[in-house]
């Protein structure tokens, strides 16, 4: 039996996009054993995944390096045929390089790539989607066709959110780790106040997003809105997003959550641009950006804690009507 290990120890969005490889590996090697290594907190994304045998978890915040050595020992004992490393940092590179796998594959940007059997470029300026960049690592023994990421909420996940699906609704996921990737609070409020009154609105996010969502809900001052931030798991949120008329996200993990369910999504790109390769993959997907030419956009490959020029025009010049136009049958 062929044994694969896929390593992606970055953020939730990166793990979601990595599931596209799981789909393809299973398609080409249906009898293979596929394991995946993620950072602690992201393993819940992969619960009940039908094509994964084991989920290895690395706790970066508790005994980081002793945990790394324990993982390395476990990986070596498994005697994998191929270790496929999507991460580009030294720790995951070390696990790959010394995994004892018959074939070690990763990106050239990884400091340990010199010890890999095969390594590939990871260029964010060519316009390739991250799924396509990742697929380079397995194309030699699968193919180079594009496929989507996919998550598998369970029946319990769908049952947990069923009561919210008894009316027409949209979901808004307003938060981002990075300030310059996050559509401003007052802009979300303005949009919410313009949404047709017959639609219910659910605010989603993690426990850390509860305060922002509560502020948005309170200041919107409407009755048909509910803050569910911190109350739903990743997969429950994904299940709820699947049934929404539209989901609104920043350029962050929630847009990939929508892609994994082929859920309708409108993604707002403030300081970043879609050609970096993290645009939504849903059949019904809209990208919102400012229509004004800004010489400062993009201001970097990733977000910033504050607008480098202090004006944040890439967000504030987005018009409310751009978002409203993406609500099915919305009257503007």
Protein backbone atom coordinates (compact mmCIF):
# COMPACT_ATOMS: atom_id res chain seq x y z
CA UNK A 1 0.00 0.00 0.00
CA UNK A 2 1.29 3.45 -0.96
CA UNK A 3 1.59 5.80 2.03
CA UNK A 4 1.49 9.59 1.67
CA UNK A 5 2.03 12.34 4.24
CA UNK A 6 0.92 15.88 3.35
CA UNK A 7 2.35 18.64 5.56
CA UNK A 8 0.64 22.03 5.94
CA UNK A 9 1.27 23.64 9.33
CA UNK A 10 0.21 27.18 8.40
CA UNK A 11 -3.16 28.88 8.87
CA UNK A 12 -6.69 27.45 8.42
CA UNK A 13 -7.05 28.84 4.89
CA UNK A 14 -3.84 27.10 3.84
CA UNK A 15 -5.08 23.79 5.25
CA UNK A 16 -8.37 24.17 3.39
CA UNK A 17 -6.55 24.78 0.10
CA UNK A 18 -4.31 21.77 0.78
CA UNK A 19 -7.37 19.50 0.71
CA UNK A 20 -7.36 19.84 -3.09
CA UNK A 21 -4.25 17.60 -3.02
CA UNK A 22 -6.03 15.08 -0.81
CA UNK A 23 -8.84 14.88 -3.37
CA UNK A 24 -6.41 14.31 -6.23
CA UNK A 25 -4.22 11.80 -4.40
CA UNK A 26 -7.30 9.75 -3.54
CA UNK A 27 -8.51 9.93 -7.13
CA UNK A 28 -5.24 8.55 -8.51
CA UNK A 29 -4.45 6.22 -5.60
CA UNK A 30 -7.82 5.12 -4.16
CA UNK A 31 -6.25 2.35 -2.08
CA UNK A 32 -3.45 4.53 -0.68
CA UNK A 33 -3.12 5.60 2.94
CA UNK A 34 -3.10 9.40 3.16
CA UNK A 35 -2.11 11.21 6.38
CA UNK A 36 -1.90 14.94 6.99
CA UNK A 37 0.11 17.02 9.45
CA UNK A 38 -1.36 20.33 10.65
CA UNK A 39 -0.80 22.76 13.51
CA UNK A 40 -2.94 22.39 16.63
CA UNK A 41 -6.33 24.04 16.19
CA UNK A 42 -6.66 23.20 12.51
CA UNK A 43 -7.31 19.48 12.94
CA UNK A 44 -11.05 20.15 13.40
CA UNK A 45 -11.22 21.19 9.73
CA UNK A 46 -10.45 17.62 8.75
CA UNK A 47 -12.80 15.77 11.09
CA UNK A 48 -14.62 12.90 9.36
CA UNK A 49 -12.65 13.46 6.15
CA UNK A 50 -13.32 10.26 4.17
CA UNK A 51 -9.92 10.14 2.44
CA UNK A 52 -7.65 10.76 5.43
CA UNK A 53 -6.34 7.90 7.51
CA UNK A 54 -4.65 9.91 10.29
CA UNK A 55 -4.27 13.56 11.24
CA UNK A 56 -0.96 14.40 12.89
CA UNK A 57 -1.00 17.52 15.06
CA UNK A 58 1.90 19.77 15.98
CA UNK A 59 1.36 22.07 18.97
CA UNK A 60 3.57 25.08 18.24
CA UNK A 61 2.64 26.81 21.49
CA UNK A 62 3.44 24.04 23.97
CA UNK A 63 6.83 22.30 24.01
CA UNK A 64 7.32 23.32 20.40
CA UNK A 65 10.66 21.65 19.71
CA UNK A 66 10.27 18.55 21.85
CA UNK A 67 6.93 18.09 20.10
CA UNK A 68 8.72 18.43 16.78
CA UNK A 69 11.16 15.67 17.72
CA UNK A 70 8.28 13.43 18.82
CA UNK A 71 6.58 14.01 15.47
CA UNK A 72 9.77 13.27 13.57
CA UNK A 73 10.11 9.94 15.36
CA UNK A 74 6.51 9.05 14.56
CA UNK A 75 6.92 10.05 10.91
CA UNK A 76 10.09 7.99 10.53
CA UNK A 77 8.35 4.97 12.05
CA UNK A 78 5.57 5.22 9.48
CA UNK A 79 8.02 4.73 6.56
CA UNK A 80 6.06 6.89 4.11
CA UNK A 81 6.53 6.45 0.38
CA UNK A 82 6.14 10.18 -0.25
CA UNK A 83 6.18 13.18 2.08
CA UNK A 84 4.69 16.25 0.38
CA UNK A 85 5.48 19.48 2.21
CA UNK A 86 3.39 22.54 1.30
CA UNK A 87 4.99 24.71 3.99
CA UNK A 88 8.03 26.84 3.27
CA UNK A 89 9.53 27.21 6.75
CA UNK A 90 12.47 25.43 8.34
CA UNK A 91 10.56 23.37 10.93
CA UNK A 92 8.40 21.56 8.37
CA UNK A 93 11.44 21.31 6.10
CA UNK A 94 13.34 19.52 8.87
CA UNK A 95 10.50 17.02 9.30
CA UNK A 96 10.49 16.40 5.55
CA UNK A 97 14.24 16.17 5.07
CA UNK A 98 14.73 13.66 7.88
CA UNK A 99 11.41 11.82 7.46
CA UNK A 100 13.02 8.72 6.02
CA UNK A 101 10.45 8.77 3.20
CA UNK A 102 11.35 7.18 -0.12
CA UNK A 103 10.61 10.52 -1.80
CA UNK A 104 10.64 13.96 -0.19
CA UNK A 105 8.89 16.76 -2.11
CA UNK A 106 8.48 20.47 -1.38
CA UNK A 107 9.10 24.05 -2.45
CA UNK A 108 12.51 25.54 -3.20
CA UNK A 109 11.82 28.38 -0.75
CA UNK A 110 12.07 25.92 2.14
CA UNK A 111 15.50 26.22 3.82
CA UNK A 112 15.80 22.40 3.83
CA UNK A 113 14.84 21.96 0.16
CA UNK A 114 18.42 21.05 -0.74
CA UNK A 115 17.73 17.76 1.08
CA UNK A 116 14.47 17.10 -0.77
CA UNK A 117 14.35 14.69 -3.70
CA UNK A 118 12.24 17.12 -5.72
CA UNK A 119 11.61 20.83 -5.18
CA UNK A 120 9.56 23.36 -7.09
CA UNK A 121 9.21 27.14 -7.41
CA UNK A 122 6.56 28.95 -5.39
CA UNK A 123 6.01 32.26 -7.17
CA UNK A 124 3.12 34.46 -6.05
CA UNK A 125 3.58 36.92 -8.91
CA UNK A 126 2.65 34.65 -11.84
CA UNK A 127 -1.11 34.77 -11.29
CA UNK A 128 -1.39 31.07 -10.41
CA UNK A 129 -3.84 30.06 -7.72
CA UNK A 130 -2.29 28.54 -4.58
CA UNK A 131 -4.04 25.26 -5.46
CA UNK A 132 -2.14 25.25 -8.77
CA UNK A 133 1.15 26.02 -7.04
CA UNK A 134 0.56 23.17 -4.62
CA UNK A 135 -0.43 20.81 -7.41
CA UNK A 136 3.06 21.18 -8.93
CA UNK A 137 4.31 18.97 -6.11
CA UNK A 138 2.23 15.97 -7.20
CA UNK A 139 1.71 16.61 -10.93
CA UNK A 140 4.53 14.23 -11.92
CA UNK A 141 2.63 11.22 -10.54
CA UNK A 142 -0.96 12.50 -10.97
CA UNK A 143 -1.70 15.24 -13.53
CA UNK A 144 -1.66 19.02 -13.84
CA UNK A 145 -5.42 19.61 -14.03
CA UNK A 146 -7.05 22.07 -11.64
CA UNK A 147 -9.29 20.76 -8.88
CA UNK A 148 -11.01 22.39 -5.93
CA UNK A 149 -10.48 21.99 -2.18
CA UNK A 150 -13.21 20.21 -0.29
CA UNK A 151 -14.31 19.80 3.33
CA UNK A 152 -16.76 17.27 4.71
CA UNK A 153 -19.14 18.53 7.43
CA UNK A 154 -20.89 15.60 9.10
CA UNK A 155 -24.62 15.04 9.56
CA UNK A 156 -24.17 16.34 13.11
CA UNK A 157 -22.66 19.56 11.75
CA UNK A 158 -25.62 20.08 9.42
CA UNK A 159 -28.07 19.23 12.23
CA UNK A 160 -26.42 21.80 14.51
CA UNK A 161 -27.15 24.66 12.10
CA UNK A 162 -30.49 23.44 10.70
CA UNK A 163 -32.53 25.82 12.85
CA UNK A 164 -30.76 28.79 11.23
CA UNK A 165 -31.61 27.59 7.74
CA UNK A 166 -35.38 27.94 8.12
CA UNK A 167 -35.31 31.37 6.49
CA UNK A 168 -33.49 33.11 3.65
CA UNK A 169 -30.17 34.38 4.90
CA UNK A 170 -26.71 35.71 4.13
CA UNK A 171 -23.53 35.19 6.14
CA UNK A 172 -20.92 37.84 6.86
CA UNK A 173 -17.46 36.94 8.10
CA UNK A 174 -16.07 40.41 8.83
CA UNK A 175 -12.75 39.71 10.54
CA UNK A 176 -9.16 39.16 9.43
CA UNK A 177 -5.87 38.77 11.30
CA UNK A 178 -4.51 41.68 9.25
CA UNK A 179 -5.97 45.19 9.46
CA UNK A 180 -5.37 46.00 5.78
CA UNK A 181 -7.18 42.84 4.68
CA UNK A 182 -10.23 43.64 6.81
CA UNK A 183 -13.10 45.66 5.40
CA UNK A 184 -13.73 48.45 7.96
CA UNK A 185 -16.35 47.96 10.65
CA UNK A 186 -18.32 51.06 9.65
CA UNK A 187 -18.43 49.87 6.02
CA UNK A 188 -19.87 46.51 7.12
CA UNK A 189 -22.48 48.34 9.20
CA UNK A 190 -23.45 50.55 6.26
CA UNK A 191 -23.84 47.48 4.06
CA UNK A 192 -25.89 45.59 6.65
CA UNK A 193 -28.29 48.50 7.04
CA UNK A 194 -28.90 48.39 3.27
CA UNK A 195 -29.60 44.65 3.04
CA UNK A 196 -33.24 43.85 2.16
CA UNK A 197 -35.20 43.50 5.39
CA UNK A 198 -36.62 40.08 4.49
CA UNK A 199 -33.16 38.53 4.72
CA UNK A 200 -31.63 37.27 7.95
CA UNK A 201 -27.96 38.00 8.58
CA UNK A 202 -25.54 35.74 10.44
CA UNK A 203 -22.17 37.06 11.59
CA UNK A 204 -19.58 34.28 11.71
CA UNK A 205 -16.04 33.93 13.01
CA UNK A 206 -13.99 32.43 15.80
CA UNK A 207 -14.16 33.30 19.53
CA UNK A 208 -11.59 36.05 18.93
CA UNK A 209 -14.03 37.71 16.48
CA UNK A 210 -16.94 37.85 18.90
CA UNK A 211 -16.28 41.40 20.09
CA UNK A 212 -16.06 42.83 16.55
CA UNK A 213 -19.20 40.97 15.48
CA UNK A 214 -21.04 42.15 18.59
CA UNK A 215 -20.11 45.77 17.80
CA UNK A 216 -21.28 45.38 14.22
CA UNK A 217 -24.55 43.78 15.31
CA UNK A 218 -25.26 46.42 17.99
CA UNK A 219 -24.37 49.42 15.86
CA UNK A 220 -26.29 48.11 12.85
CA UNK A 221 -29.44 48.46 15.00
CA UNK A 222 -31.57 46.01 13.04
CA UNK A 223 -33.64 43.04 14.24
CA UNK A 224 -32.81 40.35 11.67
CA UNK A 225 -29.14 39.85 12.61
CA UNK A 226 -27.46 37.30 14.87
CA UNK A 227 -23.88 37.02 16.08
CA UNK A 228 -22.69 33.39 15.92
CA UNK A 229 -18.96 34.12 16.21
CA UNK A 230 -17.36 31.55 18.47
CA UNK A 231 -20.52 29.44 18.66
CA UNK A 232 -19.94 27.25 15.60
CA UNK A 233 -17.04 25.01 14.64
CA UNK A 234 -15.23 25.42 11.32
CA UNK A 235 -17.30 22.66 9.75
CA UNK A 236 -20.59 23.93 11.19
CA UNK A 237 -19.80 27.37 9.77
CA UNK A 238 -19.04 25.75 6.42
CA UNK A 239 -22.37 23.92 6.52
CA UNK A 240 -24.23 27.17 7.26
CA UNK A 241 -22.38 28.99 4.48
CA UNK A 242 -23.39 26.32 1.99
CA UNK A 243 -27.07 27.20 2.39
CA UNK A 244 -26.65 30.98 2.30
CA UNK A 245 -27.90 33.15 -0.55
CA UNK A 246 -24.48 34.81 -0.35
CA UNK A 247 -21.44 34.82 1.94
CA UNK A 248 -19.34 37.95 2.43
CA UNK A 249 -15.68 37.64 3.37
CA UNK A 250 -12.37 39.44 3.33
CA UNK A 251 -9.31 38.07 1.56
CA UNK A 252 -8.85 35.53 4.34
CA UNK A 253 -9.62 31.95 5.40
CA UNK A 254 -13.45 32.24 5.21
CA UNK A 255 -13.36 32.71 1.44
CA UNK A 256 -11.56 29.34 1.21
CA UNK A 257 -14.16 27.87 3.56
CA UNK A 258 -16.76 28.95 1.00
CA UNK A 259 -14.70 27.46 -1.85
CA UNK A 260 -14.49 24.12 -0.03
CA UNK A 261 -18.30 23.91 0.00
CA UNK A 262 -18.80 25.50 -3.43
CA UNK A 263 -20.88 28.07 -1.53
CA UNK A 264 -21.74 31.44 -3.11
CA UNK A 265 -19.22 34.03 -2.00
CA UNK A 266 -18.39 37.69 -2.40
CA UNK A 267 -14.80 38.38 -1.36
CA UNK A 268 -13.49 41.86 -0.62
CA UNK A 269 -9.85 42.54 -1.49
CA UNK A 270 -8.60 45.68 0.20
CA UNK A 271 -4.78 45.95 0.24
CA UNK A 272 -4.10 42.68 -1.58
CA UNK A 273 -5.01 41.55 -5.11
CA UNK A 274 -6.56 38.34 -6.48
CA UNK A 275 -3.58 37.64 -8.75
CA UNK A 276 -1.54 36.68 -5.67
CA UNK A 277 -3.46 33.41 -6.02
CA UNK A 278 -5.90 33.27 -3.13
CA UNK A 279 -9.12 34.18 -4.92
CA UNK A 280 -12.37 32.21 -4.34
CA UNK A 281 -13.06 29.04 -6.35
CA UNK A 282 -16.83 28.69 -5.91
CA UNK A 283 -18.94 28.54 -9.07
CA UNK A 284 -20.78 31.64 -7.82
CA UNK A 285 -17.95 33.92 -6.76
CA UNK A 286 -17.53 37.67 -6.99
CA UNK A 287 -14.42 39.67 -6.17
CA UNK A 288 -14.90 43.21 -4.87
CA UNK A 289 -12.13 45.82 -5.12
CA UNK A 290 -11.97 49.58 -5.30
CA UNK A 291 -12.67 50.93 -8.77
CA UNK A 292 -10.20 53.77 -8.20
CA UNK A 293 -6.65 53.37 -9.50
CA UNK A 294 -4.36 53.43 -6.47
CA UNK A 295 -0.58 53.37 -7.05
CA UNK A 296 -0.11 51.97 -3.53
CA UNK A 297 -2.26 48.84 -4.14
CA UNK A 298 -1.09 46.20 -3.48
CA UNK A 299 1.14 47.39 -0.65
CA UNK A 300 2.58 43.91 -0.08
CA UNK A 301 2.06 40.19 -0.53
CA UNK A 302 0.38 39.95 2.88
CA UNK A 303 -1.62 42.26 5.12
CA UNK A 304 -0.34 44.95 7.49
CA UNK A 305 -1.35 45.96 11.01
CA UNK A 306 -2.09 49.44 9.66
CA UNK A 307 -2.27 51.19 6.28
CA UNK A 308 1.36 52.18 5.48
CA UNK A 309 0.15 55.54 4.12
CA UNK A 310 -2.50 56.14 6.77
CA UNK A 311 -5.50 56.59 4.45
CA UNK A 312 -6.67 53.00 3.73
CA UNK A 313 -8.28 54.15 0.48
CA UNK A 314 -8.23 50.62 -0.94
CA UNK A 315 -11.05 49.84 1.53
CA UNK A 316 -12.81 53.15 2.03
CA UNK A 317 -13.32 53.79 -1.71
CA UNK A 318 -15.26 50.55 -2.20
CA UNK A 319 -18.92 51.45 -2.79
CA UNK A 320 -21.78 49.91 -0.84
CA UNK A 321 -23.63 49.15 -4.08
CA UNK A 322 -20.79 46.84 -5.18
CA UNK A 323 -21.68 44.49 -2.33
CA UNK A 324 -25.46 44.89 -2.62
CA UNK A 325 -25.39 43.93 -6.30
CA UNK A 326 -24.23 40.43 -5.38
CA UNK A 327 -27.31 39.59 -3.28
CA UNK A 328 -29.63 37.46 -5.48
CA UNK A 329 -32.76 39.44 -6.38
CA UNK A 330 -31.64 42.37 -4.25
CA UNK A 331 -33.44 45.60 -5.00
CA UNK A 332 -31.01 48.53 -4.85
